Amino acid sequence: MTLSTCRRCGTCCEKGGPALHEADKGLLEHIPMKDVVCLRRGELAFDPRTQTLQPLPLELMKIRGKGAGWECVYFLSREKSCSVYDHRPLECRSLFCADTDAIHKAMAEPTLSREDIVENGSGLWSCIEEHESSFSMTQALHLAKTERDSANAICSELDGLIRREIHFRRVLAEKVGAVDEDLWAYFGRPLWLALLPLNPEFSSYDQV
């Protein structure tokens, strides 16, 4: 029997928060930036349309998960409901697990990027540009794949890159009086965390 209404099982919310599209820009009046994460170009991300983990061709703004997982930060697990239901993004409004046509169409809509949110030429934008040029996700991913394939170890070049990025983040967070996690919408997740699916050894940087 085909479902005609949502059972509110919460499975979709447990799998991860939605990506944000241009149609969602107005919702940022109700969704604080600390609840958003930028997945940077080249970062590995799960595509439900192909059921595979693929490097992103473009950066993606996404509602963040809880803790180290991807369960949507707005999902109320006990009540099986959403704490921002009246202001839920396009993908949430489109999703119905019994018929995925609408969500697949929504996923194809133009997505938001940091350029849509941060003023070009601002001090924050200059910091984002510096971070992108100094700590390339594409370079880190290439080094991580190469070393995993050859010796399953973290090479000195990648180790240095990760440690310098940790220092960059720490200094910046202290300057603005924030914690690094609250800045993920602007600088993405730390390199070591983004690379964790490739090698569990990267978890050791959590203690650096």
C-alpha atoms as a PDB file:
ATOM      1  CA  MET A   1       0.000   0.000   0.000  1.00  0.00           C
ATOM      2  CA  THR A   2       1.370   3.428  -0.944  1.00  0.00           C
ATOM      3  CA  LEU A   3       1.480   6.060   1.795  1.00  0.00           C
ATOM      4  CA  SER A   4      -0.556   9.207   1.151  1.00  0.00           C
ATOM      5  CA  THR A   5       0.467  11.159   4.241  1.00  0.00           C
ATOM      6  CA  CYS A   6       3.623  11.514   6.289  1.00  0.00           C
ATOM      7  CA  ARG A   7       3.865   9.105   9.221  1.00  0.00           C
ATOM      8  CA  ARG A   8       6.132  11.542  11.118  1.00  0.00           C
ATOM      9  CA  CYS A   9       8.644   8.797  11.801  1.00  0.00           C
ATOM     10  CA  GLY A  10      11.489  11.331  11.769  1.00  0.00           C
ATOM     11  CA  THR A  11      13.788   9.225   9.587  1.00  0.00           C
ATOM     12  CA  CYS A  12      14.463  12.036   7.100  1.00  0.00           C
ATOM     13  CA  CYS A  13      15.370  14.469   9.904  1.00  0.00           C
ATOM     14  CA  GLU A  14      17.615  11.892  11.566  1.00  0.00           C
ATOM     15  CA  LYS A  15      19.572  11.438   8.332  1.00  0.00           C
ATOM     16  CA  GLY A  16      20.497  15.117   8.139  1.00  0.00           C
ATOM     17  CA  GLY A  17      19.371  18.697   7.885  1.00  0.00           C
ATOM     18  CA  PRO A  18      18.430  20.193   4.508  1.00  0.00           C
ATOM     19  CA  ALA A  19      20.624  22.110   2.098  1.00  0.00           C
ATOM     20  CA  LEU A  20      19.606  25.758   1.735  1.00  0.00           C
ATOM     21  CA  HIS A  21      18.475  27.142  -1.602  1.00  0.00           C
ATOM     22  CA  GLU A  22      18.041  30.661  -2.954  1.00  0.00           C
ATOM     23  CA  ALA A  23      14.350  30.331  -2.098  1.00  0.00           C
ATOM     24  CA  ASP A  24      15.356  29.935   1.568  1.00  0.00           C
ATOM     25  CA  LYS A  25      17.337  33.161   1.920  1.00  0.00           C
ATOM     26  CA  GLY A  26      14.468  34.917   3.685  1.00  0.00           C
ATOM     27  CA  LEU A  27      14.369  32.162   6.296  1.00  0.00           C
ATOM     28  CA  LEU A  28      17.746  33.298   7.621  1.00  0.00           C
ATOM     29  CA  GLU A  29      15.809  35.964   9.520  1.00  0.00           C
ATOM     30  CA  HIS A  30      14.539  33.079  11.651  1.00  0.00           C
ATOM     31  CA  ILE A  31      17.486  30.656  11.458  1.00  0.00           C
ATOM     32  CA  PRO A  32      20.685  31.884  13.177  1.00  0.00           C
ATOM     33  CA  MET A  33      23.934  31.422  11.288  1.00  0.00           C
ATOM     34  CA  LYS A  34      25.347  29.310  14.119  1.00  0.00           C
ATOM     35  CA  ASP A  35      22.842  26.632  13.050  1.00  0.00           C
ATOM     36  CA  VAL A  36      24.141  26.630   9.471  1.00  0.00           C
ATOM     37  CA  VAL A  37      27.247  24.888   8.140  1.00  0.00           C
ATOM     38  CA  CYS A  38      29.039  25.454   4.842  1.00  0.00           C
ATOM     39  CA  LEU A  39      30.166  22.303   3.057  1.00  0.00           C
ATOM     40  CA  ARG A  40      33.056  23.558   0.964  1.00  0.00           C
ATOM     41  CA  ARG A  41      33.705  22.830  -2.700  1.00  0.00           C
ATOM     42  CA  GLY A  42      35.449  19.476  -2.984  1.00  0.00           C
ATOM     43  CA  GLU A  43      34.197  18.248   0.388  1.00  0.00           C
ATOM     44  CA  LEU A  44      32.717  14.750   0.444  1.00  0.00           C
ATOM     45  CA  ALA A  45      28.948  14.715   0.868  1.00  0.00           C
ATOM     46  CA  PHE A  46      26.265  12.050   0.649  1.00  0.00           C
ATOM     47  CA  ASP A  47      23.945  12.417  -2.334  1.00  0.00           C
ATOM     48  CA  PRO A  48      20.621  10.638  -1.649  1.00  0.00           C
ATOM     49  CA  ARG A  49      19.825  10.651  -5.363  1.00  0.00           C
ATOM     50  CA  THR A  50      22.748   8.338  -6.107  1.00  0.00           C
ATOM     51  CA  GLN A  51      23.233   6.907  -2.598  1.00  0.00           C
ATOM     52  CA  THR A  52      26.947   7.677  -2.860  1.00  0.00           C
ATOM     53  CA  LEU A  53      29.549   9.881  -1.185  1.00  0.00           C
ATOM     54  CA  GLN A  54      30.851  12.401  -3.730  1.00  0.00           C
ATOM     55  CA  PRO A  55      33.012  15.556  -3.691  1.00  0.00           C
ATOM     56  CA  LEU A  56      30.842  18.642  -4.011  1.00  0.00           C
ATOM     57  CA  PRO A  57      31.252  20.558  -7.290  1.00  0.00           C
ATOM     58  CA  LEU A  58      30.066  23.743  -5.518  1.00  0.00           C
ATOM     59  CA  GLU A  59      29.875  24.762  -1.889  1.00  0.00           C
ATOM     60  CA  LEU A  60      26.643  24.067  -0.073  1.00  0.00           C
ATOM     61  CA  MET A  61      24.976  25.788   2.872  1.00  0.00           C
ATOM     62  CA  LYS A  62      23.191  23.312   5.093  1.00  0.00           C
ATOM     63  CA  ILE A  63      21.319  23.174   8.401  1.00  0.00           C
ATOM     64  CA  ARG A  64      23.833  21.643  10.781  1.00  0.00           C
ATOM     65  CA  GLY A  65      23.559  18.402  12.697  1.00  0.00           C
ATOM     66  CA  LYS A  66      23.637  17.661  16.406  1.00  0.00           C
ATOM     67  CA  GLY A  67      27.095  17.151  17.855  1.00  0.00           C
ATOM     68  CA  ALA A  68      29.296  15.024  15.622  1.00  0.00           C
ATOM     69  CA  GLY A  69      26.290  13.523  13.799  1.00  0.00           C
ATOM     70  CA  TRP A  70      24.041  14.814  11.032  1.00  0.00           C
ATOM     71  CA  GLU A  71      20.623  14.564  12.714  1.00  0.00           C
ATOM     72  CA  CYS A  72      19.019  17.950  12.076  1.00  0.00           C
ATOM     73  CA  VAL A  73      19.613  20.351  14.942  1.00  0.00           C
ATOM     74  CA  TYR A  74      15.930  21.368  14.788  1.00  0.00           C
ATOM     75  CA  PHE A  75      14.550  17.839  15.040  1.00  0.00           C
ATOM     76  CA  LEU A  76      12.761  17.159  18.328  1.00  0.00           C
ATOM     77  CA  SER A  77      13.361  13.432  18.617  1.00  0.00           C
ATOM     78  CA  ARG A  78      10.959  12.757  21.471  1.00  0.00           C
ATOM     79  CA  GLU A  79       8.050  14.579  19.849  1.00  0.00           C
ATOM     80  CA  LYS A  80       9.063  13.568  16.298  1.00  0.00           C
ATOM     81  CA  SER A  81       8.571  17.148  15.218  1.00  0.00           C
ATOM     82  CA  CYS A  82      10.457  20.238  13.989  1.00  0.00           C
ATOM     83  CA  SER A  83      11.188  23.245  16.201  1.00  0.00           C
ATOM     84  CA  VAL A  84      11.197  25.608  13.177  1.00  0.00           C
ATOM     85  CA  TYR A  85       8.349  23.967  11.257  1.00  0.00           C
ATOM     86  CA  ASP A  86       6.732  27.275  10.238  1.00  0.00           C
ATOM     87  CA  HIS A  87      10.064  28.417   8.782  1.00  0.00           C
ATOM     88  CA  ARG A  88      11.341  25.126   7.393  1.00  0.00           C
ATOM     89  CA  PRO A  89      13.473  25.220   4.229  1.00  0.00           C
ATOM     90  CA  LEU A  90      12.432  24.253   0.707  1.00  0.00           C
ATOM     91  CA  GLU A  91      13.780  20.694   0.898  1.00  0.00           C
ATOM     92  CA  CYS A  92      11.827  20.022   4.095  1.00  0.00           C
ATOM     93  CA  ARG A  93       8.645  21.378   2.552  1.00  0.00           C
ATOM     94  CA  SER A  94       9.196  19.189  -0.522  1.00  0.00           C
ATOM     95  CA  LEU A  95      10.188  15.930   1.131  1.00  0.00           C
ATOM     96  CA  PHE A  96       7.768  13.002   1.204  1.00  0.00           C
ATOM     97  CA  CYS A  97       9.511   9.650   1.447  1.00  0.00           C
ATOM     98  CA  ALA A  98       6.785   7.749  -0.411  1.00  0.00           C
ATOM     99  CA  ASP A  99       7.237   9.969  -3.490  1.00  0.00           C
ATOM    100  CA  THR A 100      10.683  11.516  -3.938  1.00  0.00           C
ATOM    101  CA  ASP A 101       9.997  13.409  -7.176  1.00  0.00           C
ATOM    102  CA  ALA A 102       9.335  16.712  -5.395  1.00  0.00           C
ATOM    103  CA  ILE A 103      12.458  16.567  -3.201  1.00  0.00           C
ATOM    104  CA  HIS A 104      14.648  15.665  -6.185  1.00  0.00           C
ATOM    105  CA  LYS A 105      13.280  18.687  -8.053  1.00  0.00           C
ATOM    106  CA  ALA A 106      13.904  20.863  -5.006  1.00  0.00           C
ATOM    107  CA  MET A 107      17.499  19.611  -4.723  1.00  0.00           C
ATOM    108  CA  ALA A 108      18.089  20.762  -8.305  1.00  0.00           C
ATOM    109  CA  GLU A 109      17.071  24.337  -7.477  1.00  0.00           C
ATOM    110  CA  PRO A 110      19.883  26.945  -7.150  1.00  0.00           C
ATOM    111  CA  THR A 111      21.538  26.726  -3.748  1.00  0.00           C
ATOM    112  CA  LEU A 112      22.788  29.408  -1.393  1.00  0.00           C
ATOM    113  CA  SER A 113      26.496  30.088  -0.996  1.00  0.00           C
ATOM    114  CA  ARG A 114      28.518  32.294   1.331  1.00  0.00           C
ATOM    115  CA  GLU A 115      28.562  34.975  -1.375  1.00  0.00           C
ATOM    116  CA  ASP A 116      24.782  35.272  -0.974  1.00  0.00           C
ATOM    117  CA  ILE A 117      25.113  35.858   2.763  1.00  0.00           C
ATOM    118  CA  VAL A 118      28.376  37.742   3.418  1.00  0.00           C
ATOM    119  CA  GLU A 119      29.022  41.183   1.926  1.00  0.00           C
ATOM    120  CA  ASN A 120      31.841  41.098  -0.611  1.00  0.00           C
ATOM    121  CA  GLY A 121      34.664  43.371   0.500  1.00  0.00           C
ATOM    122  CA  SER A 122      33.795  43.129   4.185  1.00  0.00           C
ATOM    123  CA  GLY A 123      36.324  42.094   6.823  1.00  0.00           C
ATOM    124  CA  LEU A 124      34.552  38.761   7.190  1.00  0.00           C
ATOM    125  CA  TRP A 125      34.708  38.139   3.450  1.00  0.00           C
ATOM    126  CA  SER A 126      38.447  38.868   3.469  1.00  0.00           C
ATOM    127  CA  CYS A 127      38.899  36.246   6.217  1.00  0.00           C
ATOM    128  CA  ILE A 128      36.894  33.719   4.181  1.00  0.00           C
ATOM    129  CA  GLU A 129      39.065  34.389   1.112  1.00  0.00           C
ATOM    130  CA  GLU A 130      42.247  34.013   3.158  1.00  0.00           C
ATOM    131  CA  HIS A 131      41.004  30.727   4.605  1.00  0.00           C
ATOM    132  CA  GLU A 132      40.054  29.378   1.180  1.00  0.00           C
ATOM    133  CA  SER A 133      43.415  30.250  -0.375  1.00  0.00           C
ATOM    134  CA  SER A 134      45.459  28.945   2.565  1.00  0.00           C
ATOM    135  CA  PHE A 135      43.526  25.784   3.419  1.00  0.00           C
ATOM    136  CA  SER A 136      42.156  24.301   0.220  1.00  0.00           C
ATOM    137  CA  MET A 137      39.687  21.470   0.715  1.00  0.00           C
ATOM    138  CA  THR A 138      40.597  20.080  -2.700  1.00  0.00           C
ATOM    139  CA  GLN A 139      44.289  19.938  -1.781  1.00  0.00           C
ATOM    140  CA  ALA A 140      43.570  18.353   1.601  1.00  0.00           C
ATOM    141  CA  LEU A 141      41.307  15.745   0.033  1.00  0.00           C
ATOM    142  CA  HIS A 142      43.937  14.895  -2.575  1.00  0.00           C
ATOM    143  CA  LEU A 143      46.634  14.448   0.090  1.00  0.00           C
ATOM    144  CA  ALA A 144      44.321  12.377   2.293  1.00  0.00           C
ATOM    145  CA  LYS A 145      43.391  10.023  -0.551  1.00  0.00           C
ATOM    146  CA  THR A 146      46.980   9.623  -1.684  1.00  0.00           C
ATOM    147  CA  GLU A 147      48.290   8.784   1.759  1.00  0.00           C
ATOM    148  CA  ARG A 148      45.433   6.464   2.589  1.00  0.00           C
ATOM    149  CA  ASP A 149      46.017   4.549  -0.610  1.00  0.00           C
ATOM    150  CA  SER A 150      49.772   4.176  -0.091  1.00  0.00           C
ATOM    151  CA  ALA A 151      50.333   3.773   3.640  1.00  0.00           C
ATOM    152  CA  ASN A 152      47.066   4.548   5.432  1.00  0.00           C
ATOM    153  CA  ALA A 153      48.944   7.302   7.264  1.00  0.00           C
ATOM    154  CA  ILE A 154      48.714  11.072   7.460  1.00  0.00           C
ATOM    155  CA  CYS A 155      51.603  12.643   5.539  1.00  0.00           C
ATOM    156  CA  SER A 156      53.624  15.493   7.016  1.00  0.00           C
ATOM    157  CA  GLU A 157      52.334  17.962   4.418  1.00  0.00           C
ATOM    158  CA  LEU A 158      48.720  17.265   5.291  1.00  0.00           C
ATOM    159  CA  ASP A 159      49.494  17.192   9.024  1.00  0.00           C
ATOM    160  CA  GLY A 160      51.010  20.658   8.739  1.00  0.00           C
ATOM    161  CA  LEU A 161      48.046  21.953   6.738  1.00  0.00           C
ATOM    162  CA  ILE A 162      45.551  20.654   9.299  1.00  0.00           C
ATOM    163  CA  ARG A 163      47.492  22.082  12.252  1.00  0.00           C
ATOM    164  CA  ARG A 164      47.865  25.505  10.628  1.00  0.00           C
ATOM    165  CA  GLU A 165      44.144  25.576   9.923  1.00  0.00           C
ATOM    166  CA  ILE A 166      43.335  24.678  13.529  1.00  0.00           C
ATOM    167  CA  HIS A 167      45.526  27.592  14.642  1.00  0.00           C
ATOM    168  CA  PHE A 168      43.862  29.959  12.124  1.00  0.00           C
ATOM    169  CA  ARG A 169      40.425  29.001  13.435  1.00  0.00           C
ATOM    170  CA  ARG A 170      41.437  29.274  17.071  1.00  0.00           C
ATOM    171  CA  VAL A 171      42.943  32.752  16.677  1.00  0.00           C
ATOM    172  CA  LEU A 172      39.967  34.013  14.651  1.00  0.00           C
ATOM    173  CA  ALA A 173      37.401  32.639  17.116  1.00  0.00           C
ATOM    174  CA  GLU A 174      39.222  34.298  20.012  1.00  0.00           C
ATOM    175  CA  LYS A 175      39.302  37.624  18.165  1.00  0.00           C
ATOM    176  CA  VAL A 176      35.548  37.673  17.598  1.00  0.00           C
ATOM    177  CA  GLY A 177      34.666  36.157  20.985  1.00  0.00           C
ATOM    178  CA  ALA A 178      33.110  33.002  19.565  1.00  0.00           C
ATOM    179  CA  VAL A 179      33.722  29.281  19.476  1.00  0.00           C
ATOM    180  CA  ASP A 180      34.844  27.721  16.210  1.00  0.00           C
ATOM    181  CA  GLU A 181      31.651  25.704  15.835  1.00  0.00           C
ATOM    182  CA  ASP A 182      29.579  28.892  15.672  1.00  0.00           C
ATOM    183  CA  LEU A 183      31.605  30.012  12.626  1.00  0.00           C
ATOM    184  CA  TRP A 184      31.068  26.920  10.487  1.00  0.00           C
ATOM    185  CA  ALA A 185      28.629  28.792   8.237  1.00  0.00           C
ATOM    186  CA  TYR A 186      31.526  31.028   7.179  1.00  0.00           C
ATOM    187  CA  PHE A 187      34.562  28.714   7.231  1.00  0.00           C
ATOM    188  CA  GLY A 188      33.057  25.248   6.983  1.00  0.00           C
ATOM    189  CA  ARG A 189      34.018  22.405   9.250  1.00  0.00           C
ATOM    190  CA  PRO A 190      37.678  21.925  10.245  1.00  0.00           C
ATOM    191  CA  LEU A 191      39.688  20.056   7.626  1.00  0.00           C
ATOM    192  CA  TRP A 192      40.289  17.101   9.943  1.00  0.00           C
ATOM    193  CA  LEU A 193      36.564  16.657  10.548  1.00  0.00           C
ATOM    194  CA  ALA A 194      35.672  16.925   6.859  1.00  0.00           C
ATOM    195  CA  LEU A 195      38.314  14.291   6.075  1.00  0.00           C
ATOM    196  CA  LEU A 196      37.249  11.901   8.821  1.00  0.00           C
ATOM    197  CA  PRO A 197      35.197   9.619   6.503  1.00  0.00           C
ATOM    198  CA  LEU A 198      38.439   8.785   4.675  1.00  0.00           C
ATOM    199  CA  ASN A 199      40.464   7.751   7.706  1.00  0.00           C
ATOM    200  CA  PRO A 200      39.515   7.459  11.418  1.00  0.00           C
ATOM    201  CA  GLU A 201      43.047   8.607  12.285  1.00  0.00           C
ATOM    202  CA  PHE A 202      41.921  12.191  11.650  1.00  0.00           C
ATOM    203  CA  SER A 203      39.913  12.092  14.892  1.00  0.00           C
ATOM    204  CA  SER A 204      43.193  12.535  16.790  1.00  0.00           C
ATOM    205  CA  TYR A 205      43.186  16.236  15.781  1.00  0.00           C
ATOM    206  CA  ASP A 206      40.155  16.794  17.981  1.00  0.00           C
ATOM    207  CA  GLN A 207      42.610  16.913  20.901  1.00  0.00           C
ATOM    208  CA  VAL A 208      45.045  19.386  19.289  1.00  0.00           C
END
